[in-house]
N, C-alpha and C. Protein backbone atom coordinates (compact mmCIF):
# COMPACT_ATOMS: atom_id res chain seq x y z
N MET A 1 94.47 100.72 72.34
CA MET A 1 93.99 101.81 73.16
C MET A 1 93.65 103.03 72.30
N LEU A 2 94.53 103.35 71.37
CA LEU A 2 94.29 104.51 70.51
C LEU A 2 93.01 104.35 69.71
N GLU A 3 92.76 103.14 69.24
CA GLU A 3 91.54 102.89 68.47
C GLU A 3 90.29 103.11 69.32
N LEU A 4 90.35 102.69 70.59
CA LEU A 4 89.21 102.91 71.48
C LEU A 4 88.98 104.40 71.73
N CYS A 5 90.06 105.14 71.94
CA CYS A 5 89.93 106.59 72.14
C CYS A 5 89.28 107.24 70.93
N GLN A 6 89.73 106.86 69.76
CA GLN A 6 89.15 107.42 68.54
C GLN A 6 87.69 107.01 68.38
N HIS A 7 87.41 105.75 68.63
CA HIS A 7 86.05 105.24 68.46
C HIS A 7 85.05 105.98 69.36
N TYR A 8 85.45 106.24 70.61
CA TYR A 8 84.55 106.87 71.57
C TYR A 8 84.73 108.39 71.65
N GLY A 9 85.56 108.95 70.80
CA GLY A 9 85.73 110.40 70.77
C GLY A 9 86.50 110.97 71.94
N VAL A 10 87.31 110.16 72.60
CA VAL A 10 88.12 110.63 73.71
C VAL A 10 89.33 111.37 73.14
N THR A 11 89.48 112.63 73.51
CA THR A 11 90.59 113.42 72.97
C THR A 11 91.56 113.90 74.05
N ASN A 12 91.14 113.86 75.31
CA ASN A 12 91.98 114.34 76.40
C ASN A 12 92.60 113.14 77.12
N TYR A 13 93.72 112.66 76.63
CA TYR A 13 94.38 111.48 77.20
C TYR A 13 95.85 111.51 76.83
N PHE A 14 96.61 110.66 77.51
CA PHE A 14 97.97 110.37 77.07
C PHE A 14 98.33 108.96 77.51
N LEU A 15 99.24 108.36 76.80
CA LEU A 15 99.71 107.01 77.12
C LEU A 15 100.97 107.14 77.95
N LEU A 16 101.05 106.32 78.98
CA LEU A 16 102.24 106.36 79.83
C LEU A 16 102.77 104.95 80.04
N ASP A 17 104.01 104.90 80.41
CA ASP A 17 104.66 103.64 80.73
C ASP A 17 104.59 102.65 79.57
N VAL A 18 104.78 103.16 78.36
CA VAL A 18 104.81 102.29 77.19
C VAL A 18 106.25 101.98 76.81
N GLU A 19 106.44 100.85 76.19
CA GLU A 19 107.80 100.43 75.82
C GLU A 19 108.39 101.35 74.76
N PHE A 20 109.69 101.50 74.82
CA PHE A 20 110.35 102.46 73.94
C PHE A 20 110.16 102.18 72.45
N PRO A 21 110.20 100.93 71.99
CA PRO A 21 109.96 100.72 70.56
C PRO A 21 108.59 101.26 70.11
N TYR A 22 107.59 101.15 70.97
CA TYR A 22 106.28 101.71 70.62
C TYR A 22 106.34 103.23 70.56
N ILE A 23 107.00 103.84 71.53
CA ILE A 23 107.15 105.30 71.52
C ILE A 23 107.81 105.74 70.22
N TYR A 24 108.85 105.05 69.84
CA TYR A 24 109.59 105.40 68.62
C TYR A 24 108.68 105.34 67.39
N ARG A 25 107.98 104.22 67.23
CA ARG A 25 107.12 104.05 66.05
C ARG A 25 105.92 104.99 66.07
N ALA A 26 105.27 105.08 67.21
CA ALA A 26 104.04 105.87 67.30
C ALA A 26 104.30 107.36 67.08
N THR A 27 105.34 107.89 67.70
CA THR A 27 105.60 109.32 67.52
C THR A 27 105.95 109.64 66.08
N ARG A 28 106.63 108.75 65.43
CA ARG A 28 106.98 108.99 64.02
C ARG A 28 105.78 108.79 63.10
N ALA A 29 104.74 108.16 63.62
CA ALA A 29 103.49 108.03 62.87
C ALA A 29 102.52 109.16 63.20
N GLY A 30 102.97 110.10 64.03
CA GLY A 30 102.14 111.27 64.34
C GLY A 30 101.37 111.21 65.64
N VAL A 31 101.56 110.17 66.44
CA VAL A 31 100.88 110.07 67.73
C VAL A 31 101.66 110.92 68.73
N ARG A 32 101.03 111.97 69.24
CA ARG A 32 101.71 112.90 70.15
C ARG A 32 101.32 112.68 71.61
N GLN A 33 100.24 111.96 71.86
CA GLN A 33 99.71 111.79 73.22
C GLN A 33 100.44 110.67 73.96
N ILE A 34 101.74 110.74 73.97
CA ILE A 34 102.57 109.74 74.63
C ILE A 34 103.48 110.47 75.61
N ALA A 35 103.66 109.87 76.79
CA ALA A 35 104.54 110.46 77.80
C ALA A 35 105.91 109.80 77.75
N LEU A 36 106.92 110.64 77.68
CA LEU A 36 108.30 110.18 77.80
C LEU A 36 108.67 110.23 79.27
N ARG A 37 109.44 109.27 79.69
CA ARG A 37 109.80 109.19 81.11
C ARG A 37 111.03 110.02 81.42
N TYR A 38 110.95 110.72 82.55
CA TYR A 38 112.11 111.44 83.08
C TYR A 38 112.16 111.16 84.58
N SER A 39 113.34 110.81 85.06
CA SER A 39 113.54 110.57 86.49
C SER A 39 115.02 110.72 86.79
N GLU A 40 115.38 110.44 88.01
CA GLU A 40 116.80 110.50 88.38
C GLU A 40 117.63 109.49 87.58
N ASP A 41 116.99 108.46 87.03
CA ASP A 41 117.70 107.43 86.26
C ASP A 41 117.36 107.42 84.77
N GLU A 42 116.46 108.30 84.34
CA GLU A 42 116.04 108.36 82.94
C GLU A 42 116.34 109.77 82.43
N ALA A 43 117.23 109.85 81.49
CA ALA A 43 117.86 111.12 81.10
C ALA A 43 116.91 112.11 80.45
N ILE A 44 117.13 113.38 80.78
CA ILE A 44 116.38 114.47 80.16
C ILE A 44 116.70 114.54 78.66
N GLU A 45 117.87 114.10 78.27
CA GLU A 45 118.26 114.15 76.86
C GLU A 45 117.32 113.33 75.98
N THR A 46 116.85 112.21 76.50
CA THR A 46 115.89 111.40 75.73
C THR A 46 114.60 112.18 75.53
N VAL A 47 114.13 112.82 76.57
CA VAL A 47 112.92 113.64 76.46
C VAL A 47 113.11 114.72 75.40
N LEU A 48 114.24 115.40 75.47
CA LEU A 48 114.49 116.52 74.56
C LEU A 48 114.57 116.09 73.10
N LYS A 49 115.02 114.86 72.85
CA LYS A 49 115.06 114.34 71.47
C LYS A 49 113.66 114.22 70.88
N TYR A 50 112.65 114.13 71.74
CA TYR A 50 111.28 113.94 71.28
C TYR A 50 110.46 115.24 71.30
N ARG A 51 111.12 116.35 71.54
CA ARG A 51 110.42 117.64 71.46
C ARG A 51 109.85 117.77 70.05
N GLY A 52 108.58 118.11 69.98
CA GLY A 52 107.92 118.22 68.68
C GLY A 52 107.30 116.92 68.20
N LEU A 53 107.63 115.82 68.85
CA LEU A 53 107.05 114.52 68.48
C LEU A 53 106.06 114.02 69.52
N ALA A 54 106.33 114.30 70.79
CA ALA A 54 105.47 113.86 71.89
C ALA A 54 105.10 115.08 72.73
N ASP A 55 103.91 115.05 73.29
CA ASP A 55 103.42 116.20 74.06
C ASP A 55 103.68 116.11 75.56
N TRP A 56 103.87 114.90 76.08
CA TRP A 56 103.88 114.70 77.53
C TRP A 56 105.23 114.21 78.05
N VAL A 57 105.50 114.57 79.31
CA VAL A 57 106.63 114.02 80.07
C VAL A 57 106.08 113.48 81.38
N TRP A 58 106.46 112.25 81.65
CA TRP A 58 106.08 111.53 82.86
C TRP A 58 107.25 111.69 83.83
N ILE A 59 107.07 112.47 84.88
CA ILE A 59 108.15 112.76 85.83
C ILE A 59 108.02 111.80 87.00
N ASP A 60 108.92 110.84 87.07
CA ASP A 60 108.86 109.84 88.13
C ASP A 60 109.66 110.31 89.34
N THR A 61 109.23 109.87 90.50
CA THR A 61 109.84 110.30 91.76
C THR A 61 110.34 109.09 92.54
N ASN A 62 111.15 108.27 91.88
CA ASN A 62 111.63 107.02 92.49
C ASN A 62 112.10 107.23 93.92
N THR A 63 113.04 108.14 94.11
CA THR A 63 113.55 108.42 95.46
C THR A 63 113.57 109.91 95.76
N LYS A 64 113.33 110.75 94.73
CA LYS A 64 113.37 112.20 94.94
C LYS A 64 112.62 112.90 93.82
N LEU A 65 112.40 114.19 94.00
CA LEU A 65 111.82 115.03 92.95
C LEU A 65 112.97 115.47 92.06
N PRO A 66 113.02 115.01 90.80
CA PRO A 66 114.19 115.24 89.96
C PRO A 66 114.14 116.55 89.17
N LEU A 67 113.64 117.60 89.80
CA LEU A 67 113.48 118.86 89.09
C LEU A 67 114.33 119.96 89.71
N ASP A 68 114.84 120.80 88.85
CA ASP A 68 115.51 122.03 89.26
C ASP A 68 115.22 123.08 88.19
N ALA A 69 115.75 124.27 88.35
CA ALA A 69 115.45 125.36 87.42
C ALA A 69 115.88 125.02 85.99
N THR A 70 117.00 124.33 85.84
CA THR A 70 117.49 123.98 84.50
C THR A 70 116.54 123.01 83.81
N VAL A 71 116.16 121.97 84.51
CA VAL A 71 115.24 120.97 83.94
C VAL A 71 113.89 121.62 83.66
N MET A 72 113.45 122.49 84.56
CA MET A 72 112.18 123.17 84.35
C MET A 72 112.19 123.93 83.02
N GLN A 73 113.26 124.62 82.73
CA GLN A 73 113.36 125.34 81.46
C GLN A 73 113.36 124.37 80.28
N GLN A 74 114.06 123.25 80.44
CA GLN A 74 114.13 122.27 79.35
C GLN A 74 112.77 121.65 79.06
N LEU A 75 111.91 121.57 80.06
CA LEU A 75 110.60 120.94 79.89
C LEU A 75 109.53 121.90 79.39
N GLN A 76 109.88 123.16 79.22
CA GLN A 76 108.90 124.11 78.70
C GLN A 76 108.39 123.64 77.34
N GLY A 77 107.10 123.73 77.16
CA GLY A 77 106.48 123.29 75.92
C GLY A 77 105.90 121.89 76.00
N PHE A 78 106.27 121.14 77.04
CA PHE A 78 105.70 119.82 77.26
C PHE A 78 104.59 119.92 78.30
N LYS A 79 103.60 119.06 78.21
CA LYS A 79 102.67 118.84 79.30
C LYS A 79 103.38 117.89 80.26
N THR A 80 103.12 118.06 81.55
CA THR A 80 103.85 117.25 82.53
C THR A 80 102.90 116.53 83.48
N CYS A 81 103.25 115.30 83.79
CA CYS A 81 102.51 114.51 84.78
C CYS A 81 103.51 113.99 85.80
N LEU A 82 103.31 114.36 87.04
CA LEU A 82 104.20 113.96 88.13
C LEU A 82 103.65 112.72 88.82
N VAL A 83 104.52 111.78 89.12
CA VAL A 83 104.14 110.62 89.93
C VAL A 83 104.20 111.05 91.39
N CYS A 84 103.07 110.97 92.07
CA CYS A 84 103.02 111.32 93.49
C CYS A 84 103.96 110.39 94.26
N PRO A 85 104.73 110.93 95.21
CA PRO A 85 105.65 110.06 95.95
C PRO A 85 104.95 108.98 96.76
N GLU A 86 103.65 109.13 97.01
CA GLU A 86 102.94 108.07 97.72
C GLU A 86 102.91 106.79 96.90
N ARG A 87 103.04 106.90 95.57
CA ARG A 87 103.08 105.71 94.72
C ARG A 87 104.33 104.88 95.01
N TRP A 88 105.34 105.53 95.59
CA TRP A 88 106.58 104.87 95.98
C TRP A 88 106.65 104.65 97.49
N GLY A 89 105.51 104.78 98.17
CA GLY A 89 105.46 104.53 99.61
C GLY A 89 105.93 105.69 100.46
N ARG A 90 105.93 106.92 99.91
CA ARG A 90 106.42 108.08 100.65
C ARG A 90 105.40 109.23 100.68
N PRO A 91 104.22 109.00 101.22
CA PRO A 91 103.24 110.09 101.25
C PRO A 91 103.71 111.29 102.07
N GLN A 92 104.62 111.06 102.99
CA GLN A 92 105.14 112.16 103.81
C GLN A 92 105.92 113.18 102.99
N ASP A 93 106.32 112.83 101.77
CA ASP A 93 107.07 113.75 100.91
C ASP A 93 106.17 114.70 100.11
N ILE A 94 104.87 114.48 100.12
CA ILE A 94 103.98 115.28 99.27
C ILE A 94 104.10 116.77 99.57
N ALA A 95 104.00 117.15 100.83
CA ALA A 95 104.04 118.58 101.19
C ALA A 95 105.35 119.22 100.74
N GLU A 96 106.46 118.53 100.93
CA GLU A 96 107.75 119.07 100.50
C GLU A 96 107.84 119.19 98.98
N TYR A 97 107.32 118.22 98.27
CA TYR A 97 107.33 118.29 96.80
C TYR A 97 106.49 119.46 96.32
N ILE A 98 105.32 119.64 96.92
CA ILE A 98 104.48 120.78 96.55
C ILE A 98 105.22 122.08 96.81
N ASN A 99 105.88 122.18 97.94
CA ASN A 99 106.66 123.37 98.26
C ASN A 99 107.75 123.61 97.22
N GLN A 100 108.50 122.57 96.87
CA GLN A 100 109.57 122.71 95.88
C GLN A 100 109.01 123.14 94.52
N LEU A 101 107.89 122.58 94.13
CA LEU A 101 107.27 122.94 92.86
C LEU A 101 106.80 124.39 92.86
N GLN A 102 106.28 124.85 94.00
CA GLN A 102 105.85 126.24 94.10
C GLN A 102 107.05 127.19 94.03
N VAL A 103 108.14 126.84 94.69
CA VAL A 103 109.35 127.67 94.64
C VAL A 103 109.86 127.78 93.21
N LEU A 104 109.81 126.68 92.48
CA LEU A 104 110.27 126.67 91.09
C LEU A 104 109.24 127.29 90.12
N HIS A 105 108.01 127.51 90.60
CA HIS A 105 106.91 127.95 89.73
C HIS A 105 106.75 126.95 88.59
N PHE A 106 106.81 125.66 88.95
CA PHE A 106 106.73 124.61 87.94
C PHE A 106 105.27 124.31 87.62
N PRO A 107 104.86 124.45 86.36
CA PRO A 107 103.45 124.27 85.99
C PRO A 107 103.10 122.82 85.65
N LEU A 108 102.74 122.04 86.64
CA LEU A 108 102.29 120.67 86.37
C LEU A 108 100.97 120.68 85.62
N THR A 109 100.83 119.74 84.71
CA THR A 109 99.57 119.56 83.99
C THR A 109 98.70 118.54 84.72
N ALA A 110 99.35 117.52 85.31
CA ALA A 110 98.61 116.45 85.98
C ALA A 110 99.51 115.81 87.03
N VAL A 111 98.88 115.11 87.96
CA VAL A 111 99.59 114.33 88.98
C VAL A 111 98.92 112.97 89.05
N MET A 112 99.74 111.92 89.05
CA MET A 112 99.21 110.57 89.25
C MET A 112 99.28 110.30 90.75
N ALA A 113 98.11 110.20 91.38
CA ALA A 113 98.05 110.00 92.82
C ALA A 113 96.86 109.12 93.16
N ALA A 114 96.97 108.41 94.26
CA ALA A 114 95.84 107.65 94.77
C ALA A 114 94.76 108.63 95.23
N GLU A 115 93.53 108.19 95.19
CA GLU A 115 92.40 109.06 95.54
C GLU A 115 92.57 109.71 96.91
N ALA A 116 93.16 109.00 97.84
CA ALA A 116 93.33 109.52 99.20
C ALA A 116 94.21 110.77 99.25
N TYR A 117 95.00 111.02 98.21
CA TYR A 117 95.94 112.14 98.22
C TYR A 117 95.59 113.24 97.22
N VAL A 118 94.50 113.07 96.52
CA VAL A 118 94.12 114.04 95.49
C VAL A 118 93.87 115.43 96.10
N ASP A 119 93.25 115.49 97.27
CA ASP A 119 92.97 116.79 97.88
C ASP A 119 94.23 117.59 98.13
N GLN A 120 95.30 116.93 98.55
CA GLN A 120 96.55 117.66 98.80
C GLN A 120 97.06 118.30 97.51
N TRP A 121 96.97 117.58 96.40
CA TRP A 121 97.45 118.11 95.13
C TRP A 121 96.50 119.13 94.54
N SER A 122 95.21 119.03 94.83
CA SER A 122 94.26 119.98 94.25
C SER A 122 94.47 121.39 94.80
N ARG A 123 95.11 121.51 95.94
CA ARG A 123 95.42 122.83 96.51
C ARG A 123 96.68 123.42 95.89
N PHE A 124 97.40 122.63 95.10
CA PHE A 124 98.63 123.09 94.44
C PHE A 124 98.25 123.96 93.32
């Protein structure tokens, strides 16, 4: 994938959902466009170990929005991509998640959402 991005001059991208051994090797080889996973079951400590090595954090919403003021501060300096709760079969949670993010003043960089829900997020 990286070779294709380089070949076609694509510079605005990140890799997500990649296996940890690849993350380990690639970040140490200077690849920064990789997202580390954070969720209710994937520790923030792992993300923090990669500060300065990876640019992105993939915030998964398995059963809830795993963000609070403390985590928000810890994620400063990372680009963030949130998994829309509709990906987990909970589109009814979108409005509440947007509200929580606004209360926290959390600066999302991107949201992974199905096309049908993009308009809701574009107003965020």
